[in-house]
Amino acid sequence: MGVRVQALTELVEDGRDELRCDVAMERDERFEEMVARQARFMFQVAFGLLRNRQDAEDAVQEAFLKLYRGEAWLRMENEKGFLARTVWRVALDHLPKAVERMTDVAEMQLAASGGSPEQSVVDEDERAVLRRLIDGLPEELRQPLVLSSVEEMTSREVAEAMGIPEGTVRTRVMRARTELRRRFVAMKEGQR
């Protein structure tokens, strides 16, 4: 009788180990799928704050590592908002390092679209002016503007990422656009 109980106990334990293994494999597969789906988006959010490619990559990697070690990502309701908030918070920790190492706005350059070389130069000049104007905004205005306009996040996603009310996001984006317009007009009048 003792032998049968021991064999049955071993069989139950083997089943539990197999079940744990299956659950872990399913979890890893879900995580890999999420990484494949959202890594680029998370990089864009981090880059929008840090404006440095290496720091943004580090922030995304750290955010994914924190997520993998925890269980919260398994219960998230709004995937994009949850991931944006996670990488945003990690990126905030990287911000002082990024500001110290930042040497050139060129890292933010967008690939020039096709067309003539002259048009490419004009387009690049306009982008450089816009980047400088955006960079000159106060952080409280620049961050929501970058996330909503450049990264094309909704007000709700930006609010979740930054941990502020949705109405505040809309107000700050509106104020940022108004300030950009004002600075642009002042700059153009100064060139006359």
N, C-alpha and C. Protein backbone atom coordinates (compact mmCIF):
# COMPACT_ATOMS: atom_id res chain seq x y z
N MET A 1 0.83 -1.19 0.00
CA MET A 1 0.00 0.00 0.00
C MET A 1 0.87 1.25 0.00
N GLY A 2 1.95 1.30 0.80
CA GLY A 2 2.86 2.44 0.87
C GLY A 2 3.51 2.69 -0.47
N VAL A 3 3.79 1.62 -1.23
CA VAL A 3 4.42 1.77 -2.53
C VAL A 3 3.45 2.44 -3.50
N ARG A 4 2.19 2.01 -3.46
CA ARG A 4 1.20 2.59 -4.37
C ARG A 4 0.98 4.08 -4.07
N VAL A 5 0.92 4.44 -2.78
CA VAL A 5 0.73 5.84 -2.40
C VAL A 5 1.92 6.67 -2.88
N GLN A 6 3.12 6.14 -2.69
CA GLN A 6 4.32 6.84 -3.13
C GLN A 6 4.32 7.00 -4.65
N ALA A 7 3.96 5.97 -5.38
CA ALA A 7 3.92 6.05 -6.85
C ALA A 7 2.86 7.06 -7.30
N LEU A 8 1.70 7.05 -6.62
CA LEU A 8 0.64 7.99 -6.95
C LEU A 8 1.08 9.42 -6.65
N THR A 9 1.76 9.61 -5.53
CA THR A 9 2.27 10.93 -5.16
C THR A 9 3.27 11.42 -6.20
N GLU A 10 4.17 10.53 -6.65
CA GLU A 10 5.15 10.89 -7.68
C GLU A 10 4.45 11.25 -8.99
N LEU A 11 3.41 10.52 -9.33
CA LEU A 11 2.65 10.78 -10.55
C LEU A 11 1.98 12.16 -10.49
N VAL A 12 1.39 12.47 -9.35
CA VAL A 12 0.75 13.77 -9.16
C VAL A 12 1.79 14.89 -9.25
N GLU A 13 2.94 14.71 -8.60
CA GLU A 13 4.01 15.72 -8.64
C GLU A 13 4.51 15.92 -10.07
N ASP A 14 4.67 14.84 -10.83
CA ASP A 14 5.09 14.94 -12.23
C ASP A 14 4.08 15.75 -13.03
N GLY A 15 2.80 15.51 -12.78
CA GLY A 15 1.74 16.25 -13.48
C GLY A 15 1.79 17.72 -13.14
N ARG A 16 2.04 18.03 -11.86
CA ARG A 16 2.14 19.43 -11.45
C ARG A 16 3.34 20.11 -12.12
N ASP A 17 4.47 19.39 -12.18
CA ASP A 17 5.65 19.95 -12.83
C ASP A 17 5.38 20.23 -14.30
N GLU A 18 4.70 19.30 -14.96
CA GLU A 18 4.35 19.48 -16.38
C GLU A 18 3.43 20.67 -16.55
N LEU A 19 2.43 20.80 -15.67
CA LEU A 19 1.49 21.91 -15.74
C LEU A 19 2.21 23.24 -15.54
N ARG A 20 3.12 23.28 -14.54
CA ARG A 20 3.91 24.50 -14.31
C ARG A 20 4.72 24.86 -15.54
N CYS A 21 5.30 23.86 -16.17
CA CYS A 21 6.12 24.07 -17.37
C CYS A 21 5.24 24.61 -18.51
N ASP A 22 4.06 24.03 -18.69
CA ASP A 22 3.14 24.49 -19.74
C ASP A 22 2.70 25.93 -19.49
N VAL A 23 2.39 26.25 -18.25
CA VAL A 23 1.96 27.61 -17.90
C VAL A 23 3.11 28.58 -18.15
N ALA A 24 4.32 28.21 -17.77
CA ALA A 24 5.48 29.08 -17.99
C ALA A 24 5.74 29.28 -19.48
N MET A 25 5.59 28.24 -20.27
CA MET A 25 5.80 28.35 -21.71
C MET A 25 4.75 29.25 -22.34
N GLU A 26 3.49 29.11 -21.91
CA GLU A 26 2.41 29.94 -22.44
C GLU A 26 2.65 31.41 -22.07
N ARG A 27 3.09 31.64 -20.84
CA ARG A 27 3.39 33.00 -20.37
C ARG A 27 4.51 33.61 -21.22
N ASP A 28 5.57 32.83 -21.45
CA ASP A 28 6.69 33.32 -22.25
C ASP A 28 6.26 33.63 -23.68
N GLU A 29 5.42 32.80 -24.25
CA GLU A 29 4.93 33.03 -25.61
C GLU A 29 4.10 34.31 -25.68
N ARG A 30 3.23 34.52 -24.69
CA ARG A 30 2.42 35.74 -24.65
C ARG A 30 3.31 36.97 -24.52
N PHE A 31 4.35 36.85 -23.70
CA PHE A 31 5.26 37.97 -23.50
C PHE A 31 6.01 38.28 -24.80
N GLU A 32 6.51 37.24 -25.46
CA GLU A 32 7.22 37.43 -26.73
C GLU A 32 6.33 38.10 -27.77
N GLU A 33 5.07 37.70 -27.84
CA GLU A 33 4.13 38.30 -28.79
C GLU A 33 3.92 39.78 -28.46
N MET A 34 3.81 40.09 -27.17
CA MET A 34 3.62 41.47 -26.76
C MET A 34 4.86 42.31 -27.12
N VAL A 35 6.03 41.76 -26.88
CA VAL A 35 7.27 42.47 -27.21
C VAL A 35 7.33 42.74 -28.71
N ALA A 36 7.02 41.74 -29.50
CA ALA A 36 7.04 41.91 -30.96
C ALA A 36 6.05 42.99 -31.41
N ARG A 37 4.89 43.03 -30.76
CA ARG A 37 3.84 43.98 -31.13
C ARG A 37 4.16 45.41 -30.69
N GLN A 38 4.77 45.57 -29.52
CA GLN A 38 4.83 46.89 -28.89
C GLN A 38 6.23 47.47 -28.70
N ALA A 39 7.29 46.76 -29.07
CA ALA A 39 8.65 47.27 -28.82
C ALA A 39 8.89 48.59 -29.53
N ARG A 40 8.47 48.69 -30.78
CA ARG A 40 8.68 49.94 -31.53
C ARG A 40 7.92 51.10 -30.89
N PHE A 41 6.69 50.85 -30.49
CA PHE A 41 5.89 51.88 -29.84
C PHE A 41 6.57 52.34 -28.54
N MET A 42 7.04 51.39 -27.74
CA MET A 42 7.68 51.75 -26.48
C MET A 42 8.96 52.54 -26.72
N PHE A 43 9.69 52.16 -27.78
CA PHE A 43 10.90 52.92 -28.12
C PHE A 43 10.53 54.36 -28.47
N GLN A 44 9.47 54.54 -29.23
CA GLN A 44 9.05 55.88 -29.62
C GLN A 44 8.67 56.71 -28.40
N VAL A 45 8.00 56.11 -27.45
CA VAL A 45 7.62 56.83 -26.23
C VAL A 45 8.88 57.23 -25.47
N ALA A 46 9.80 56.30 -25.29
CA ALA A 46 11.04 56.59 -24.56
C ALA A 46 11.88 57.64 -25.29
N PHE A 47 11.96 57.51 -26.60
CA PHE A 47 12.75 58.46 -27.39
C PHE A 47 12.13 59.85 -27.34
N GLY A 48 10.81 59.91 -27.31
CA GLY A 48 10.13 61.19 -27.22
C GLY A 48 10.50 61.94 -25.95
N LEU A 49 10.79 61.24 -24.90
CA LEU A 49 11.19 61.87 -23.65
C LEU A 49 12.70 62.09 -23.59
N LEU A 50 13.46 61.07 -23.94
CA LEU A 50 14.91 61.11 -23.74
C LEU A 50 15.68 61.76 -24.89
N ARG A 51 15.15 61.66 -26.10
CA ARG A 51 15.80 62.23 -27.29
C ARG A 51 17.22 61.71 -27.49
N ASN A 52 17.44 60.47 -27.12
CA ASN A 52 18.74 59.83 -27.29
C ASN A 52 18.47 58.35 -27.56
N ARG A 53 18.97 57.86 -28.69
CA ARG A 53 18.67 56.49 -29.13
C ARG A 53 19.11 55.44 -28.10
N GLN A 54 20.35 55.52 -27.63
CA GLN A 54 20.83 54.50 -26.69
C GLN A 54 20.06 54.51 -25.38
N ASP A 55 19.79 55.70 -24.87
CA ASP A 55 19.04 55.79 -23.61
C ASP A 55 17.62 55.25 -23.79
N ALA A 56 17.02 55.54 -24.95
CA ALA A 56 15.67 55.03 -25.21
C ALA A 56 15.68 53.51 -25.31
N GLU A 57 16.67 52.96 -25.99
CA GLU A 57 16.78 51.50 -26.08
C GLU A 57 16.98 50.88 -24.70
N ASP A 58 17.83 51.51 -23.89
CA ASP A 58 18.05 51.01 -22.52
C ASP A 58 16.77 51.05 -21.70
N ALA A 59 16.02 52.14 -21.84
CA ALA A 59 14.77 52.29 -21.09
C ALA A 59 13.76 51.22 -21.49
N VAL A 60 13.66 50.95 -22.78
CA VAL A 60 12.72 49.93 -23.26
C VAL A 60 13.14 48.56 -22.74
N GLN A 61 14.42 48.27 -22.84
CA GLN A 61 14.90 46.97 -22.36
C GLN A 61 14.65 46.81 -20.85
N GLU A 62 14.93 47.85 -20.10
CA GLU A 62 14.69 47.81 -18.66
C GLU A 62 13.20 47.66 -18.34
N ALA A 63 12.36 48.36 -19.10
CA ALA A 63 10.91 48.26 -18.89
C ALA A 63 10.42 46.84 -19.17
N PHE A 64 10.87 46.25 -20.27
CA PHE A 64 10.47 44.88 -20.58
C PHE A 64 10.97 43.91 -19.52
N LEU A 65 12.17 44.12 -19.02
CA LEU A 65 12.71 43.25 -17.98
C LEU A 65 11.87 43.34 -16.71
N LYS A 66 11.50 44.56 -16.33
CA LYS A 66 10.65 44.74 -15.14
C LYS A 66 9.30 44.06 -15.35
N LEU A 67 8.74 44.23 -16.54
CA LEU A 67 7.45 43.60 -16.83
C LEU A 67 7.56 42.09 -16.77
N TYR A 68 8.59 41.53 -17.35
CA TYR A 68 8.74 40.08 -17.39
C TYR A 68 8.88 39.49 -15.99
N ARG A 69 9.60 40.19 -15.14
CA ARG A 69 9.80 39.71 -13.77
C ARG A 69 8.52 39.77 -12.94
N GLY A 70 7.60 40.64 -13.32
CA GLY A 70 6.36 40.80 -12.58
C GLY A 70 5.20 40.09 -13.25
N GLU A 71 4.03 40.32 -12.71
CA GLU A 71 2.81 39.68 -13.22
C GLU A 71 1.78 40.70 -13.69
N ALA A 72 2.03 41.99 -13.46
CA ALA A 72 1.02 43.01 -13.75
C ALA A 72 0.63 43.04 -15.22
N TRP A 73 1.58 42.77 -16.11
CA TRP A 73 1.29 42.83 -17.55
C TRP A 73 0.27 41.77 -17.96
N LEU A 74 0.12 40.72 -17.16
CA LEU A 74 -0.86 39.67 -17.47
C LEU A 74 -2.29 40.15 -17.23
N ARG A 75 -2.44 41.19 -16.40
CA ARG A 75 -3.77 41.68 -16.04
C ARG A 75 -4.10 43.05 -16.63
N MET A 76 -3.26 43.56 -17.52
CA MET A 76 -3.49 44.91 -18.05
C MET A 76 -4.73 44.94 -18.93
N GLU A 77 -5.47 46.03 -18.82
CA GLU A 77 -6.69 46.19 -19.60
C GLU A 77 -6.41 46.95 -20.90
N ASN A 78 -5.64 48.02 -20.83
CA ASN A 78 -5.30 48.82 -22.00
C ASN A 78 -3.81 48.62 -22.25
N GLU A 79 -3.48 47.72 -23.15
CA GLU A 79 -2.08 47.34 -23.36
C GLU A 79 -1.19 48.53 -23.71
N LYS A 80 -1.60 49.32 -24.68
CA LYS A 80 -0.78 50.44 -25.13
C LYS A 80 -0.58 51.46 -24.00
N GLY A 81 -1.64 51.80 -23.31
CA GLY A 81 -1.54 52.76 -22.21
C GLY A 81 -0.67 52.24 -21.07
N PHE A 82 -0.85 50.97 -20.73
CA PHE A 82 -0.08 50.36 -19.66
C PHE A 82 1.41 50.35 -20.01
N LEU A 83 1.73 49.93 -21.23
CA LEU A 83 3.13 49.86 -21.65
C LEU A 83 3.74 51.25 -21.78
N ALA A 84 2.97 52.20 -22.28
CA ALA A 84 3.47 53.58 -22.39
C ALA A 84 3.80 54.13 -21.01
N ARG A 85 2.91 53.90 -20.05
CA ARG A 85 3.15 54.39 -18.69
C ARG A 85 4.39 53.71 -18.09
N THR A 86 4.54 52.42 -18.33
CA THR A 86 5.68 51.69 -17.78
C THR A 86 7.00 52.23 -18.34
N VAL A 87 7.09 52.35 -19.66
CA VAL A 87 8.34 52.81 -20.26
C VAL A 87 8.57 54.28 -19.97
N TRP A 88 7.50 55.05 -19.85
CA TRP A 88 7.64 56.47 -19.51
C TRP A 88 8.29 56.62 -18.14
N ARG A 89 7.83 55.84 -17.18
CA ARG A 89 8.39 55.93 -15.82
C ARG A 89 9.85 55.49 -15.79
N VAL A 90 10.17 54.45 -16.53
CA VAL A 90 11.57 53.99 -16.60
C VAL A 90 12.41 55.07 -17.29
N ALA A 91 11.90 55.65 -18.35
CA ALA A 91 12.63 56.68 -19.09
C ALA A 91 12.87 57.91 -18.21
N LEU A 92 11.92 58.25 -17.36
CA LEU A 92 12.12 59.38 -16.45
C LEU A 92 13.34 59.17 -15.57
N ASP A 93 13.58 57.91 -15.17
CA ASP A 93 14.77 57.61 -14.36
C ASP A 93 16.05 57.79 -15.16
N HIS A 94 15.97 57.65 -16.48
CA HIS A 94 17.14 57.81 -17.35
C HIS A 94 17.35 59.25 -17.77
N LEU A 95 16.40 60.12 -17.51
CA LEU A 95 16.44 61.49 -18.03
C LEU A 95 17.70 62.26 -17.65
N PRO A 96 18.12 62.29 -16.40
CA PRO A 96 19.33 63.07 -16.09
C PRO A 96 20.55 62.60 -16.88
N LYS A 97 20.71 61.29 -17.06
CA LYS A 97 21.83 60.78 -17.83
C LYS A 97 21.71 61.22 -19.29
N ALA A 98 20.52 61.17 -19.82
CA ALA A 98 20.32 61.52 -21.23
C ALA A 98 20.66 62.98 -21.47
N VAL A 99 20.25 63.86 -20.57
CA VAL A 99 20.51 65.28 -20.74
C VAL A 99 22.01 65.54 -20.67
N GLU A 100 22.72 64.86 -19.79
CA GLU A 100 24.17 65.04 -19.69
C GLU A 100 24.88 64.59 -20.96
N ARG A 101 24.44 63.47 -21.55
CA ARG A 101 25.12 62.90 -22.71
C ARG A 101 24.67 63.47 -24.02
N MET A 102 23.55 64.17 -24.04
CA MET A 102 23.02 64.67 -25.30
C MET A 102 23.97 65.71 -25.87
N THR A 103 24.41 65.50 -27.10
CA THR A 103 25.36 66.42 -27.70
C THR A 103 24.81 67.06 -28.96
N ASP A 104 23.83 66.44 -29.57
CA ASP A 104 23.41 66.90 -30.88
C ASP A 104 21.95 66.59 -31.10
N VAL A 105 21.25 67.52 -31.69
CA VAL A 105 19.84 67.31 -32.03
C VAL A 105 19.73 66.37 -33.22
N ALA A 106 20.84 66.09 -33.89
CA ALA A 106 20.81 65.27 -35.11
C ALA A 106 20.22 63.89 -34.85
N GLU A 107 20.29 63.41 -33.62
CA GLU A 107 19.71 62.09 -33.34
C GLU A 107 18.22 62.06 -33.58
N MET A 108 17.59 63.21 -33.53
CA MET A 108 16.14 63.26 -33.72
C MET A 108 15.76 63.38 -35.19
N GLN A 109 16.75 63.49 -36.07
CA GLN A 109 16.43 63.71 -37.48
C GLN A 109 15.57 62.58 -38.03
N LEU A 110 14.61 62.99 -38.81
CA LEU A 110 13.77 62.03 -39.51
C LEU A 110 14.40 61.78 -40.86
N ALA A 111 14.19 60.62 -41.42
CA ALA A 111 14.73 60.33 -42.73
C ALA A 111 14.10 61.29 -43.75
N ALA A 112 14.93 61.87 -44.54
CA ALA A 112 14.43 62.82 -45.54
C ALA A 112 13.62 62.06 -46.57
N SER A 113 12.48 62.65 -46.93
CA SER A 113 11.65 61.99 -47.93
C SER A 113 12.26 62.21 -49.30
N GLY A 114 11.80 61.46 -50.28
CA GLY A 114 12.32 61.56 -51.64
C GLY A 114 12.10 62.94 -52.21
N GLY A 115 12.62 63.18 -53.37
CA GLY A 115 12.47 64.47 -54.01
C GLY A 115 13.82 65.02 -54.38
N SER A 116 13.85 66.27 -54.78
CA SER A 116 15.10 66.88 -55.21
C SER A 116 16.00 67.14 -54.02
N PRO A 117 17.31 67.24 -54.27
CA PRO A 117 18.24 67.56 -53.18
C PRO A 117 17.92 68.91 -52.54
N GLU A 118 17.49 69.87 -53.37
CA GLU A 118 17.15 71.20 -52.84
C GLU A 118 15.96 71.11 -51.88
N GLN A 119 14.94 70.35 -52.29
CA GLN A 119 13.76 70.19 -51.43
C GLN A 119 14.12 69.45 -50.14
N SER A 120 15.02 68.48 -50.26
CA SER A 120 15.46 67.75 -49.06
C SER A 120 16.12 68.68 -48.06
N VAL A 121 16.94 69.61 -48.56
CA VAL A 121 17.62 70.56 -47.69
C VAL A 121 16.60 71.48 -47.02
N VAL A 122 15.64 71.97 -47.80
CA VAL A 122 14.60 72.85 -47.24
C VAL A 122 13.80 72.10 -46.18
N ASP A 123 13.40 70.85 -46.50
CA ASP A 123 12.64 70.04 -45.55
C ASP A 123 13.43 69.81 -44.27
N GLU A 124 14.71 69.50 -44.42
CA GLU A 124 15.56 69.25 -43.25
C GLU A 124 15.69 70.51 -42.41
N ASP A 125 15.84 71.67 -43.05
CA ASP A 125 15.92 72.93 -42.32
C ASP A 125 14.64 73.18 -41.52
N GLU A 126 13.49 72.92 -42.16
CA GLU A 126 12.21 73.12 -41.47
C GLU A 126 12.08 72.17 -40.29
N ARG A 127 12.49 70.92 -40.47
CA ARG A 127 12.44 69.96 -39.36
C ARG A 127 13.36 70.38 -38.23
N ALA A 128 14.54 70.88 -38.58
CA ALA A 128 15.50 71.32 -37.56
C ALA A 128 14.92 72.49 -36.76
N VAL A 129 14.30 73.43 -37.45
CA VAL A 129 13.68 74.58 -36.76
C VAL A 129 12.57 74.07 -35.84
N LEU A 130 11.73 73.20 -36.35
CA LEU A 130 10.64 72.66 -35.53
C LEU A 130 11.18 71.92 -34.32
N ARG A 131 12.22 71.11 -34.51
CA ARG A 131 12.82 70.37 -33.37
C ARG A 131 13.34 71.35 -32.32
N ARG A 132 14.02 72.40 -32.79
CA ARG A 132 14.55 73.39 -31.83
C ARG A 132 13.41 74.08 -31.08
N LEU A 133 12.36 74.43 -31.79
CA LEU A 133 11.22 75.07 -31.13
C LEU A 133 10.56 74.13 -30.12
N ILE A 134 10.38 72.88 -30.51
CA ILE A 134 9.79 71.89 -29.58
C ILE A 134 10.71 71.67 -28.40
N ASP A 135 12.01 71.53 -28.66
CA ASP A 135 12.97 71.33 -27.57
C ASP A 135 12.99 72.51 -26.60
N GLY A 136 12.66 73.70 -27.09
CA GLY A 136 12.67 74.88 -26.25
C GLY A 136 11.44 75.04 -25.37
N LEU A 137 10.44 74.20 -25.60
CA LEU A 137 9.22 74.28 -24.77
C LEU A 137 9.52 73.78 -23.36
N PRO A 138 8.80 74.29 -22.38
CA PRO A 138 8.92 73.73 -21.03
C PRO A 138 8.52 72.24 -21.05
N GLU A 139 9.17 71.45 -20.23
CA GLU A 139 8.93 70.00 -20.22
C GLU A 139 7.46 69.65 -20.07
N GLU A 140 6.73 70.38 -19.22
CA GLU A 140 5.32 70.05 -18.99
C GLU A 140 4.48 70.21 -20.26
N LEU A 141 4.95 71.03 -21.20
CA LEU A 141 4.25 71.19 -22.47
C LEU A 141 4.85 70.30 -23.56
N ARG A 142 6.16 70.14 -23.54
CA ARG A 142 6.84 69.37 -24.58
C ARG A 142 6.46 67.89 -24.53
N GLN A 143 6.44 67.32 -23.34
CA GLN A 143 6.20 65.88 -23.22
C GLN A 143 4.84 65.45 -23.77
N PRO A 144 3.73 66.08 -23.35
CA PRO A 144 2.44 65.65 -23.92
C PRO A 144 2.33 65.95 -25.42
N LEU A 145 2.96 67.05 -25.88
CA LEU A 145 2.93 67.37 -27.30
C LEU A 145 3.64 66.29 -28.11
N VAL A 146 4.81 65.90 -27.67
CA VAL A 146 5.57 64.86 -28.38
C VAL A 146 4.79 63.55 -28.40
N LEU A 147 4.25 63.16 -27.26
CA LEU A 147 3.52 61.89 -27.22
C LEU A 147 2.26 61.92 -28.08
N SER A 148 1.54 63.02 -28.06
CA SER A 148 0.28 63.05 -28.81
C SER A 148 0.48 63.35 -30.28
N SER A 149 1.32 64.29 -30.61
CA SER A 149 1.48 64.70 -32.00
C SER A 149 2.50 63.87 -32.75
N VAL A 150 3.65 63.67 -32.15
CA VAL A 150 4.71 62.94 -32.84
C VAL A 150 4.50 61.44 -32.74
N GLU A 151 4.17 60.96 -31.56
CA GLU A 151 4.00 59.51 -31.36
C GLU A 151 2.58 59.06 -31.63
N GLU A 152 1.69 60.00 -31.90
CA GLU A 152 0.30 59.72 -32.26
C GLU A 152 -0.46 58.90 -31.22
N MET A 153 -0.20 59.22 -29.95
CA MET A 153 -0.96 58.59 -28.87
C MET A 153 -2.22 59.42 -28.63
N THR A 154 -3.27 58.76 -28.18
CA THR A 154 -4.50 59.48 -27.85
C THR A 154 -4.31 60.22 -26.53
N SER A 155 -5.19 61.18 -26.26
CA SER A 155 -5.11 61.92 -25.00
C SER A 155 -5.19 60.97 -23.82
N ARG A 156 -6.02 59.96 -23.96
CA ARG A 156 -6.18 58.98 -22.87
C ARG A 156 -4.88 58.21 -22.64
N GLU A 157 -4.22 57.79 -23.73
CA GLU A 157 -2.96 57.05 -23.60
C GLU A 157 -1.87 57.93 -23.01
N VAL A 158 -1.81 59.19 -23.43
CA VAL A 158 -0.82 60.11 -22.88
C VAL A 158 -1.09 60.32 -21.39
N ALA A 159 -2.36 60.49 -21.04
CA ALA A 159 -2.72 60.67 -19.63
C ALA A 159 -2.29 59.47 -18.79
N GLU A 160 -2.54 58.27 -19.30
CA GLU A 160 -2.12 57.07 -18.58
C GLU A 160 -0.61 56.99 -18.47
N ALA A 161 0.08 57.32 -19.56
CA ALA A 161 1.54 57.24 -19.56
C ALA A 161 2.16 58.22 -18.58
N MET A 162 1.61 59.43 -18.54
CA MET A 162 2.20 60.47 -17.70
C MET A 162 1.61 60.51 -16.30
N GLY A 163 0.50 59.82 -16.09
CA GLY A 163 -0.12 59.82 -14.77
C GLY A 163 -0.81 61.13 -14.44
N ILE A 164 -1.38 61.78 -15.46
CA ILE A 164 -2.10 63.03 -15.26
C ILE A 164 -3.50 62.90 -15.88
N PRO A 165 -4.43 63.76 -15.50
CA PRO A 165 -5.78 63.67 -16.07
C PRO A 165 -5.79 63.94 -17.58
N GLU A 166 -6.74 63.33 -18.26
CA GLU A 166 -6.87 63.47 -19.71
C GLU A 166 -7.11 64.92 -20.11
N GLY A 167 -7.91 65.64 -19.35
CA GLY A 167 -8.17 67.05 -19.64
C GLY A 167 -6.90 67.88 -19.56
N THR A 168 -6.03 67.54 -18.61
CA THR A 168 -4.76 68.25 -18.47
C THR A 168 -3.89 68.02 -19.70
N VAL A 169 -3.93 66.80 -20.23
CA VAL A 169 -3.16 66.50 -21.45
C VAL A 169 -3.63 67.40 -22.58
N ARG A 170 -4.94 67.45 -22.79
CA ARG A 170 -5.48 68.26 -23.88
C ARG A 170 -5.12 69.73 -23.71
N THR A 171 -5.21 70.22 -22.49
CA THR A 171 -4.87 71.63 -22.22
C THR A 171 -3.41 71.89 -22.50
N ARG A 172 -2.53 71.00 -22.05
CA ARG A 172 -1.10 71.20 -22.26
C ARG A 172 -0.72 71.11 -23.73
N VAL A 173 -1.36 70.20 -24.48
CA VAL A 173 -1.08 70.10 -25.91
C VAL A 173 -1.53 71.39 -26.61
N MET A 174 -2.70 71.88 -26.24
CA MET A 174 -3.20 73.12 -26.84
C MET A 174 -2.26 74.29 -26.51
N ARG A 175 -1.83 74.38 -25.25
CA ARG A 175 -0.90 75.45 -24.86
C ARG A 175 0.43 75.31 -25.59
N ALA A 176 0.91 74.07 -25.77
CA ALA A 176 2.18 73.84 -26.47
C ALA A 176 2.08 74.29 -27.92
N ARG A 177 0.98 73.95 -28.58
CA ARG A 177 0.80 74.36 -29.98
C ARG A 177 0.71 75.87 -30.11
N THR A 178 0.00 76.49 -29.17
CA THR A 178 -0.12 77.95 -29.19
C THR A 178 1.26 78.59 -29.00
N GLU A 179 2.02 78.06 -28.08
CA GLU A 179 3.37 78.59 -27.82
C GLU A 179 4.28 78.37 -29.02
N LEU A 180 4.19 77.21 -29.66
CA LEU A 180 4.99 76.95 -30.87
C LEU A 180 4.65 77.96 -31.96
N ARG A 181 3.36 78.18 -32.18
CA ARG A 181 2.92 79.16 -33.18
C ARG A 181 3.50 80.55 -32.87
N ARG A 182 3.38 80.94 -31.61
CA ARG A 182 3.88 82.26 -31.19
C ARG A 182 5.38 82.37 -31.45
N ARG A 183 6.14 81.35 -31.08
CA ARG A 183 7.59 81.37 -31.27
C ARG A 183 7.96 81.36 -32.75
N PHE A 184 7.21 80.61 -33.53
CA PHE A 184 7.48 80.54 -34.96
C PHE A 184 7.25 81.89 -35.62
N VAL A 185 6.15 82.54 -35.28
CA VAL A 185 5.85 83.87 -35.83
C VAL A 185 6.92 84.86 -35.41
N ALA A 186 7.31 84.83 -34.15
CA ALA A 186 8.36 85.74 -33.66
C ALA A 186 9.67 85.49 -34.39
N MET A 187 9.99 84.24 -34.64
CA MET A 187 11.22 83.91 -35.34
C MET A 187 11.18 84.43 -36.79
N LYS A 188 10.04 84.24 -37.46
CA LYS A 188 9.89 84.71 -38.85
C LYS A 188 9.97 86.23 -38.91
N GLU A 189 9.35 86.92 -37.96
CA GLU A 189 9.39 88.39 -37.94
C GLU A 189 10.81 88.87 -37.66
N GLY A 190 11.54 88.13 -36.89
CA GLY A 190 12.93 88.48 -36.58
C GLY A 190 13.85 88.32 -37.78
N GLN A 191 13.46 87.49 -38.74
CA GLN A 191 14.27 87.26 -39.94
C GLN A 191 14.04 88.34 -40.99
N ARG A 192 13.01 89.15 -40.85
CA ARG A 192 12.70 90.18 -41.86
C ARG A 192 13.57 91.37 -41.72
